């Protein structure tokens, strides 16, 4: 989910992609932020990139 957020996809779009509710996506993103110690998704994305948890330029995700 963080990878899709990094690609600029909203929680609503991610929910459609994964066939889950928007609430589920928001909940998962909140838990990801908590685990990474980030106070917003943008900081979680940055930490995810730095830690190697997500990758920039993944062609399958970024389109």
C-alpha atoms as a PDB file:
ATOM      1  CA  UNK A   1       0.000   0.000   0.000  1.00  0.00           C
ATOM      2  CA  UNK A   2       2.840   2.362   0.753  1.00  0.00           C
ATOM      3  CA  UNK A   3       4.271   1.680  -2.712  1.00  0.00           C
ATOM      4  CA  UNK A   4       0.963   2.716  -4.304  1.00  0.00           C
ATOM      5  CA  UNK A   5       0.817   5.802  -2.086  1.00  0.00           C
ATOM      6  CA  UNK A   6       4.318   6.682  -3.243  1.00  0.00           C
ATOM      7  CA  UNK A   7       3.041   6.387  -6.815  1.00  0.00           C
ATOM      8  CA  UNK A   8       0.437   9.048  -6.010  1.00  0.00           C
ATOM      9  CA  UNK A   9      -2.567   6.781  -5.692  1.00  0.00           C
ATOM     10  CA  UNK A  10      -5.245   7.812  -3.201  1.00  0.00           C
ATOM     11  CA  UNK A  11      -6.677   5.508  -0.550  1.00  0.00           C
ATOM     12  CA  UNK A  12      -9.826   5.250  -2.662  1.00  0.00           C
ATOM     13  CA  UNK A  13      -7.900   4.099  -5.742  1.00  0.00           C
ATOM     14  CA  UNK A  14      -5.800   1.645  -3.709  1.00  0.00           C
ATOM     15  CA  UNK A  15      -9.025   0.229  -2.243  1.00  0.00           C
ATOM     16  CA  UNK A  16     -10.380  -0.356  -5.755  1.00  0.00           C
ATOM     17  CA  UNK A  17      -7.123  -2.001  -6.876  1.00  0.00           C
ATOM     18  CA  UNK A  18      -7.119  -4.344  -3.876  1.00  0.00           C
ATOM     19  CA  UNK A  19     -10.901  -4.797  -3.763  1.00  0.00           C
ATOM     20  CA  UNK A  20     -11.088  -3.728  -0.110  1.00  0.00           C
ATOM     21  CA  UNK A  21     -12.737  -0.817   1.652  1.00  0.00           C
ATOM     22  CA  UNK A  22     -11.175   2.622   1.854  1.00  0.00           C
ATOM     23  CA  UNK A  23     -11.269   2.237   5.627  1.00  0.00           C
ATOM     24  CA  UNK A  24      -9.077  -0.881   5.352  1.00  0.00           C
ATOM     25  CA  UNK A  25      -6.504   0.997   3.271  1.00  0.00           C
ATOM     26  CA  UNK A  26      -6.511   3.950   5.666  1.00  0.00           C
ATOM     27  CA  UNK A  27      -6.122   1.591   8.618  1.00  0.00           C
ATOM     28  CA  UNK A  28      -3.179  -0.215   7.050  1.00  0.00           C
ATOM     29  CA  UNK A  29      -1.504   3.072   6.118  1.00  0.00           C
ATOM     30  CA  UNK A  30      -1.999   4.314   9.682  1.00  0.00           C
ATOM     31  CA  UNK A  31      -0.319   1.159  11.058  1.00  0.00           C
ATOM     32  CA  UNK A  32       2.525   1.515   8.559  1.00  0.00           C
ATOM     33  CA  UNK A  33       3.035   5.132   9.662  1.00  0.00           C
ATOM     34  CA  UNK A  34       3.076   4.043  13.307  1.00  0.00           C
ATOM     35  CA  UNK A  35       5.607   1.277  12.668  1.00  0.00           C
ATOM     36  CA  UNK A  36       7.880   3.649  10.768  1.00  0.00           C
ATOM     37  CA  UNK A  37       7.462   6.413  13.354  1.00  0.00           C
ATOM     38  CA  UNK A  38       6.120   8.816  10.732  1.00  0.00           C
ATOM     39  CA  UNK A  39       3.413  11.376  11.411  1.00  0.00           C
ATOM     40  CA  UNK A  40       2.134  11.411   7.807  1.00  0.00           C
ATOM     41  CA  UNK A  41       2.177   9.272   4.673  1.00  0.00           C
ATOM     42  CA  UNK A  42       4.785  11.434   2.941  1.00  0.00           C
ATOM     43  CA  UNK A  43       7.279  10.854   5.749  1.00  0.00           C
ATOM     44  CA  UNK A  44       6.421   7.144   5.799  1.00  0.00           C
ATOM     45  CA  UNK A  45       7.142   6.998   2.058  1.00  0.00           C
ATOM     46  CA  UNK A  46      10.503   8.720   2.590  1.00  0.00           C
ATOM     47  CA  UNK A  47      11.413   6.349   5.412  1.00  0.00           C
ATOM     48  CA  UNK A  48      10.258   3.382   3.352  1.00  0.00           C
ATOM     49  CA  UNK A  49      12.520   4.449   0.485  1.00  0.00           C
ATOM     50  CA  UNK A  50      15.501   5.036   2.768  1.00  0.00           C
ATOM     51  CA  UNK A  51      15.021   1.677   4.509  1.00  0.00           C
ATOM     52  CA  UNK A  52      14.533  -0.151   1.228  1.00  0.00           C
ATOM     53  CA  UNK A  53      10.986  -1.214   2.100  1.00  0.00           C
ATOM     54  CA  UNK A  54       9.666   0.313  -1.114  1.00  0.00           C
ATOM     55  CA  UNK A  55      11.374   1.058  -4.406  1.00  0.00           C
ATOM     56  CA  UNK A  56      11.259   4.160  -6.560  1.00  0.00           C
ATOM     57  CA  UNK A  57      10.560   3.649 -10.232  1.00  0.00           C
ATOM     58  CA  UNK A  58       8.803   0.284 -10.038  1.00  0.00           C
ATOM     59  CA  UNK A  59       7.238   0.315 -13.529  1.00  0.00           C
ATOM     60  CA  UNK A  60       4.374  -2.013 -12.617  1.00  0.00           C
ATOM     61  CA  UNK A  61       3.268   0.243  -9.760  1.00  0.00           C
ATOM     62  CA  UNK A  62       4.119   3.727 -11.032  1.00  0.00           C
ATOM     63  CA  UNK A  63       1.895   3.614 -14.123  1.00  0.00           C
END
